[in-house]
Amino acid sequence: MKDYSDLSTLSDKKLRTLRNNLNNRLVAFKAPSQKNLPPSHMLHGLDEAQCKALLERVIKELKTRF
């Protein structure tokens, strides 16, 4: 699992990519056949609650930039 403690160090593009991946992952948690992410994936090891919390932080960081 990657360290997302300081989102201000990420570029705008990386933040948007992270936001999109989080949104997709949250949809996947609702799907009946949930697949496991490979260890190289940026969200590997995060559960649904952690994804939701990180998504809120990412959205907040993006709003401060624009």
C-alpha atoms as a PDB file:
ATOM      1  CA  MET A   1       0.000   0.000   0.000  1.00  0.00           C
ATOM      2  CA  LYS A   2       1.317   3.410  -0.929  1.00  0.00           C
ATOM      3  CA  ASP A   3       1.594   6.288   1.527  1.00  0.00           C
ATOM      4  CA  TYR A   4      -1.080   8.935   0.972  1.00  0.00           C
ATOM      5  CA  SER A   5      -0.496  10.865   4.199  1.00  0.00           C
ATOM      6  CA  ASP A   6       0.571  14.059   2.373  1.00  0.00           C
ATOM      7  CA  LEU A   7      -1.583  14.593  -0.712  1.00  0.00           C
ATOM      8  CA  SER A   8      -0.118  18.053  -1.315  1.00  0.00           C
ATOM      9  CA  THR A   9       2.998  16.412  -2.778  1.00  0.00           C
ATOM     10  CA  LEU A  10       1.026  14.781  -5.598  1.00  0.00           C
ATOM     11  CA  SER A  11       0.571  16.501  -8.943  1.00  0.00           C
ATOM     12  CA  ASP A  12      -2.886  17.533 -10.134  1.00  0.00           C
ATOM     13  CA  LYS A  13      -2.869  14.712 -12.676  1.00  0.00           C
ATOM     14  CA  LYS A  14      -1.930  12.104 -10.046  1.00  0.00           C
ATOM     15  CA  LEU A  15      -4.698  13.378  -7.755  1.00  0.00           C
ATOM     16  CA  ARG A  16      -7.285  13.138 -10.527  1.00  0.00           C
ATOM     17  CA  THR A  17      -6.073   9.630 -11.391  1.00  0.00           C
ATOM     18  CA  LEU A  18      -6.280   8.647  -7.733  1.00  0.00           C
ATOM     19  CA  ARG A  19      -9.802  10.105  -7.480  1.00  0.00           C
ATOM     20  CA  ASN A  20     -10.942   8.161 -10.546  1.00  0.00           C
ATOM     21  CA  ASN A  21      -9.373   4.929  -9.289  1.00  0.00           C
ATOM     22  CA  LEU A  22     -11.023   5.388  -5.891  1.00  0.00           C
ATOM     23  CA  ASN A  23     -14.428   5.983  -7.478  1.00  0.00           C
ATOM     24  CA  ASN A  24     -14.019   2.878  -9.642  1.00  0.00           C
ATOM     25  CA  ARG A  25     -12.865   0.812  -6.669  1.00  0.00           C
ATOM     26  CA  LEU A  26     -15.855   1.886  -4.569  1.00  0.00           C
ATOM     27  CA  VAL A  27     -18.170   0.763  -7.377  1.00  0.00           C
ATOM     28  CA  ALA A  28     -16.281  -2.542  -7.533  1.00  0.00           C
ATOM     29  CA  PHE A  29     -16.887  -3.130  -3.814  1.00  0.00           C
ATOM     30  CA  LYS A  30     -20.623  -3.161  -4.588  1.00  0.00           C
ATOM     31  CA  ALA A  31     -20.219  -5.705  -7.416  1.00  0.00           C
ATOM     32  CA  PRO A  32     -21.017  -9.346  -6.635  1.00  0.00           C
ATOM     33  CA  SER A  33     -17.708 -10.648  -8.004  1.00  0.00           C
ATOM     34  CA  GLN A  34     -15.077  -8.438  -6.451  1.00  0.00           C
ATOM     35  CA  LYS A  35     -11.582  -8.999  -7.804  1.00  0.00           C
ATOM     36  CA  ASN A  36      -8.406  -8.608  -5.813  1.00  0.00           C
ATOM     37  CA  LEU A  37      -5.991  -5.923  -6.903  1.00  0.00           C
ATOM     38  CA  PRO A  38      -2.425  -6.847  -7.808  1.00  0.00           C
ATOM     39  CA  PRO A  39       0.256  -5.691  -5.343  1.00  0.00           C
ATOM     40  CA  SER A  40       1.483  -3.110  -7.862  1.00  0.00           C
ATOM     41  CA  HIS A  41      -1.900  -1.311  -7.944  1.00  0.00           C
ATOM     42  CA  MET A  42      -2.039   2.079  -6.208  1.00  0.00           C
ATOM     43  CA  LEU A  43      -5.038   1.016  -4.082  1.00  0.00           C
ATOM     44  CA  HIS A  44      -3.814  -2.460  -3.147  1.00  0.00           C
ATOM     45  CA  GLY A  45      -4.540  -3.246   0.496  1.00  0.00           C
ATOM     46  CA  LEU A  46      -7.244  -0.616   1.041  1.00  0.00           C
ATOM     47  CA  ASP A  47     -10.683  -1.689   2.207  1.00  0.00           C
ATOM     48  CA  GLU A  48     -13.932   0.101   1.382  1.00  0.00           C
ATOM     49  CA  ALA A  49     -13.851   2.418   4.414  1.00  0.00           C
ATOM     50  CA  GLN A  50     -10.253   3.407   3.730  1.00  0.00           C
ATOM     51  CA  CYS A  51     -11.090   4.139   0.078  1.00  0.00           C
ATOM     52  CA  LYS A  52     -14.010   6.361   1.101  1.00  0.00           C
ATOM     53  CA  ALA A  53     -11.866   8.271   3.591  1.00  0.00           C
ATOM     54  CA  LEU A  54      -9.048   8.730   1.083  1.00  0.00           C
ATOM     55  CA  LEU A  55     -11.506   9.862  -1.598  1.00  0.00           C
ATOM     56  CA  GLU A  56     -12.834  12.580   0.723  1.00  0.00           C
ATOM     57  CA  ARG A  57      -9.285  13.791   1.365  1.00  0.00           C
ATOM     58  CA  VAL A  58      -8.444  13.757  -2.366  1.00  0.00           C
ATOM     59  CA  ILE A  59     -11.571  15.759  -3.229  1.00  0.00           C
ATOM     60  CA  LYS A  60     -10.768  18.257  -0.483  1.00  0.00           C
ATOM     61  CA  GLU A  61      -7.191  18.651  -1.780  1.00  0.00           C
ATOM     62  CA  LEU A  62      -8.396  19.120  -5.358  1.00  0.00           C
ATOM     63  CA  LYS A  63     -10.842  21.834  -4.228  1.00  0.00           C
ATOM     64  CA  THR A  64      -8.045  23.767  -2.541  1.00  0.00           C
ATOM     65  CA  ARG A  65      -6.085  23.810  -5.805  1.00  0.00           C
ATOM     66  CA  PHE A  66      -8.849  25.052  -8.108  1.00  0.00           C
END
